[in-house]
């Protein structure tokens, strides 16, 4: 179908890759603990939307451009690094926590829309993720397949689907486990700073990425 082969191996590999902890996991868990399950869901959906950008980029060849052009890679790399460092510094300098949505009936200081788009940008502006999809998806598509772009999209949607299910479950678990923690304003301040430090670290690591 569409030139896709070893689909079972792709699904198994995708599940294993999705459950492996990484920056996306840290972001989703952090927002779940900080804001509650709604924050975790927004973060998970944002990460998935960011992955969609990479899937369609791989399908139309933009990821190949990043791999072939050191200039294009550097531009995307620095934009992504600058965004992560900027967002991280804002979190580090924040003096007040983002309360849970149901705390005293008040909405969270950080809206769910902001959490979602932060997840999108964090993932979409990472050239390392783009190169991952470019290297991973073609392994399961026949070189002579007439519709390779469509095959890439189908495989990408399968990968994102399994990852989204896992991330939503992880968000719900983290939010439930951290119910008491969210009642402590001081704990939330330090959690926000920890997330900020993570963003700055990821930004610095992204800035040090090499195109080859």
Protein backbone atom coordinates (compact mmCIF):
# COMPACT_ATOMS: atom_id res chain seq x y z
CA UNK A 1 0.00 0.00 0.00
CA UNK A 2 1.51 3.31 -1.19
CA UNK A 3 4.87 1.59 -1.31
CA UNK A 4 4.99 1.23 2.48
CA UNK A 5 6.69 -1.92 3.71
CA UNK A 6 7.36 -3.46 7.16
CA UNK A 7 4.50 -1.47 8.63
CA UNK A 8 4.46 -3.57 11.79
CA UNK A 9 8.12 -2.80 12.38
CA UNK A 10 7.47 0.90 11.81
CA UNK A 11 4.62 0.93 14.33
CA UNK A 12 6.69 -0.96 16.90
CA UNK A 13 9.69 1.32 16.39
CA UNK A 14 7.47 4.40 16.58
CA UNK A 15 5.89 3.29 19.85
CA UNK A 16 9.30 2.63 21.39
CA UNK A 17 10.58 6.01 20.23
CA UNK A 18 7.47 7.78 21.53
CA UNK A 19 7.71 6.28 25.02
CA UNK A 20 11.40 7.16 25.33
CA UNK A 21 11.72 10.20 27.64
CA UNK A 22 13.02 13.39 26.07
CA UNK A 23 12.49 17.17 25.93
CA UNK A 24 8.88 16.79 24.75
CA UNK A 25 8.14 14.49 27.68
CA UNK A 26 9.67 16.97 30.12
CA UNK A 27 7.60 19.81 28.67
CA UNK A 28 4.32 17.89 28.84
CA UNK A 29 4.93 16.63 32.38
CA UNK A 30 6.02 20.08 33.51
CA UNK A 31 2.89 21.76 32.19
CA UNK A 32 0.69 18.98 33.59
CA UNK A 33 2.15 19.46 37.06
CA UNK A 34 2.07 23.24 36.79
CA UNK A 35 -1.40 23.83 35.33
CA UNK A 36 -3.24 20.52 35.55
CA UNK A 37 -4.45 17.97 33.02
CA UNK A 38 -5.76 20.67 30.69
CA UNK A 39 -2.29 22.16 30.51
CA UNK A 40 -0.80 18.73 29.82
CA UNK A 41 -3.32 18.08 27.05
CA UNK A 42 -2.59 21.47 25.47
CA UNK A 43 1.14 20.75 25.64
CA UNK A 44 0.72 17.26 24.15
CA UNK A 45 -1.43 18.52 21.29
CA UNK A 46 1.04 21.33 20.64
CA UNK A 47 3.91 18.85 20.38
CA UNK A 48 1.85 16.72 17.99
CA UNK A 49 1.03 19.75 15.84
CA UNK A 50 4.73 20.60 15.72
CA UNK A 51 5.46 17.06 14.52
CA UNK A 52 2.89 17.55 11.75
CA UNK A 53 4.98 20.42 10.44
CA UNK A 54 7.98 18.09 10.15
CA UNK A 55 5.95 15.32 8.51
CA UNK A 56 4.65 17.60 5.76
CA UNK A 57 8.09 19.16 5.40
CA UNK A 58 9.58 15.72 4.85
CA UNK A 59 6.84 14.92 2.33
CA UNK A 60 7.51 18.00 0.19
CA UNK A 61 11.28 17.96 0.56
CA UNK A 62 11.92 20.83 2.97
CA UNK A 63 13.67 18.51 5.39
CA UNK A 64 15.96 17.43 2.56
CA UNK A 65 16.77 21.10 2.02
CA UNK A 66 17.75 21.42 5.67
CA UNK A 67 19.96 18.37 5.35
CA UNK A 68 21.61 19.60 2.14
CA UNK A 69 21.96 23.31 2.89
CA UNK A 70 24.10 24.32 5.83
CA UNK A 71 22.78 27.89 5.50
CA UNK A 72 19.11 26.82 5.75
CA UNK A 73 19.94 24.53 8.65
CA UNK A 74 21.77 27.35 10.46
CA UNK A 75 18.92 29.82 9.97
CA UNK A 76 16.30 27.43 11.38
CA UNK A 77 18.67 26.38 14.14
CA UNK A 78 19.27 29.92 15.36
CA UNK A 79 15.59 30.88 15.16
CA UNK A 80 14.67 27.83 17.24
CA UNK A 81 17.51 28.38 19.72
CA UNK A 82 16.64 32.06 20.15
CA UNK A 83 12.99 31.23 20.81
CA UNK A 84 13.79 28.56 23.39
CA UNK A 85 16.28 30.77 25.24
CA UNK A 86 13.87 33.71 25.20
CA UNK A 87 10.99 31.59 26.54
CA UNK A 88 13.28 30.03 29.16
CA UNK A 89 14.56 33.38 30.43
CA UNK A 90 10.99 34.66 30.78
CA UNK A 91 10.14 31.63 32.94
CA UNK A 92 13.28 32.05 35.03
CA UNK A 93 12.51 35.71 35.71
CA UNK A 94 8.83 35.15 36.53
CA UNK A 95 8.13 35.91 40.20
CA UNK A 96 4.64 34.44 40.37
CA UNK A 97 3.47 30.94 39.51
CA UNK A 98 0.72 29.96 37.10
CA UNK A 99 -2.08 28.69 39.35
CA UNK A 100 -4.18 25.72 38.45
CA UNK A 101 -7.31 26.54 36.39
CA UNK A 102 -9.63 25.61 39.25
CA UNK A 103 -7.74 27.50 41.97
CA UNK A 104 -10.24 29.92 43.55
CA UNK A 105 -12.11 29.94 40.24
CA UNK A 106 -9.35 31.96 38.55
CA UNK A 107 -7.97 31.18 35.11
CA UNK A 108 -4.31 30.22 34.82
CA UNK A 109 -1.80 33.05 34.30
CA UNK A 110 -0.51 31.09 31.30
CA UNK A 111 -3.39 30.35 28.93
CA UNK A 112 -3.91 26.96 27.36
CA UNK A 113 -3.50 28.58 23.96
CA UNK A 114 -0.05 29.82 25.00
CA UNK A 115 0.89 26.36 26.27
CA UNK A 116 -0.25 24.83 22.96
CA UNK A 117 1.66 27.24 20.74
CA UNK A 118 4.72 27.00 22.92
CA UNK A 119 4.67 23.25 22.33
CA UNK A 120 4.20 23.76 18.58
CA UNK A 121 7.11 26.17 18.27
CA UNK A 122 9.38 24.15 20.54
CA UNK A 123 9.00 21.14 18.27
CA UNK A 124 8.57 22.79 14.86
CA UNK A 125 11.64 25.02 15.19
CA UNK A 126 13.94 22.12 16.07
CA UNK A 127 15.90 21.14 12.94
CA UNK A 128 17.06 17.97 14.69
CA UNK A 129 13.47 16.69 14.67
CA UNK A 130 13.20 17.52 10.95
CA UNK A 131 16.32 15.51 10.21
CA UNK A 132 14.99 12.64 12.34
CA UNK A 133 11.84 12.36 10.24
CA UNK A 134 13.89 12.62 7.06
CA UNK A 135 16.09 9.73 8.20
CA UNK A 136 13.38 7.57 9.80
CA UNK A 137 10.41 7.64 7.41
CA UNK A 138 12.18 6.74 4.12
CA UNK A 139 13.37 3.44 5.62
CA UNK A 140 9.80 2.13 5.33
CA UNK A 141 8.95 3.40 1.83
CA UNK A 142 9.99 1.67 -1.41
CA UNK A 143 12.42 3.79 -3.41
CA UNK A 144 10.37 3.15 -6.57
CA UNK A 145 7.00 3.99 -5.01
CA UNK A 146 5.09 6.51 -7.17
CA UNK A 147 3.51 8.32 -4.22
CA UNK A 148 6.35 8.66 -1.75
CA UNK A 149 5.05 11.98 -0.41
CA UNK A 150 1.69 10.44 0.49
CA UNK A 151 3.45 7.46 2.05
CA UNK A 152 5.52 9.82 4.21
CA UNK A 153 2.35 11.57 5.36
CA UNK A 154 0.59 8.29 6.23
CA UNK A 155 3.59 7.02 8.20
CA UNK A 156 3.97 10.37 9.91
CA UNK A 157 0.32 10.43 10.97
CA UNK A 158 0.66 6.91 12.40
CA UNK A 159 3.75 7.97 14.35
CA UNK A 160 2.04 11.12 15.63
CA UNK A 161 -1.13 9.19 16.51
CA UNK A 162 0.65 6.70 18.75
CA UNK A 163 2.72 9.48 20.28
CA UNK A 164 -0.35 11.61 21.02
CA UNK A 165 -2.12 8.74 22.79
CA UNK A 166 0.97 8.14 24.94
CA UNK A 167 1.45 11.84 25.69
CA UNK A 168 -2.19 12.36 26.68
CA UNK A 169 -2.00 9.41 29.07
CA UNK A 170 1.23 10.73 30.51
CA UNK A 171 -0.29 14.20 30.95
CA UNK A 172 -3.29 12.79 32.83
CA UNK A 173 -1.07 10.68 35.09
CA UNK A 174 1.32 13.55 35.87
CA UNK A 175 -1.52 15.97 36.58
CA UNK A 176 -3.22 13.55 38.97
CA UNK A 177 0.01 12.73 40.76
CA UNK A 178 0.81 16.41 41.26
CA UNK A 179 -2.57 17.54 42.60
CA UNK A 180 -1.15 18.59 45.98
CA UNK A 181 1.92 20.19 44.49
CA UNK A 182 -0.18 22.65 42.48
CA UNK A 183 -1.65 24.01 45.72
CA UNK A 184 1.79 25.25 46.76
CA UNK A 185 2.58 28.61 45.18
CA UNK A 186 6.26 28.33 46.08
CA UNK A 187 6.55 24.89 44.50
CA UNK A 188 4.97 26.21 41.30
CA UNK A 189 7.45 29.09 41.16
CA UNK A 190 10.36 26.67 41.33
CA UNK A 191 8.74 24.33 38.82
CA UNK A 192 8.33 27.25 36.41
CA UNK A 193 12.00 28.10 36.89
CA UNK A 194 12.98 24.48 36.30
CA UNK A 195 11.05 24.55 33.02
CA UNK A 196 12.77 27.81 32.16
CA UNK A 197 16.18 26.30 32.84
CA UNK A 198 15.25 23.33 30.65
CA UNK A 199 14.25 25.65 27.79
CA UNK A 200 17.49 27.63 28.06
CA UNK A 201 19.51 24.41 28.09
CA UNK A 202 17.67 23.08 25.05
CA UNK A 203 18.21 26.41 23.28
CA UNK A 204 21.95 26.30 23.94
CA UNK A 205 22.13 22.67 22.80
CA UNK A 206 20.21 23.53 19.64
CA UNK A 207 22.58 26.42 18.92
CA UNK A 208 25.48 23.94 19.08
CA UNK A 209 23.89 21.50 16.60
CA UNK A 210 25.89 20.82 13.46
CA UNK A 211 24.27 20.42 10.05
CA UNK A 212 26.37 17.32 9.38
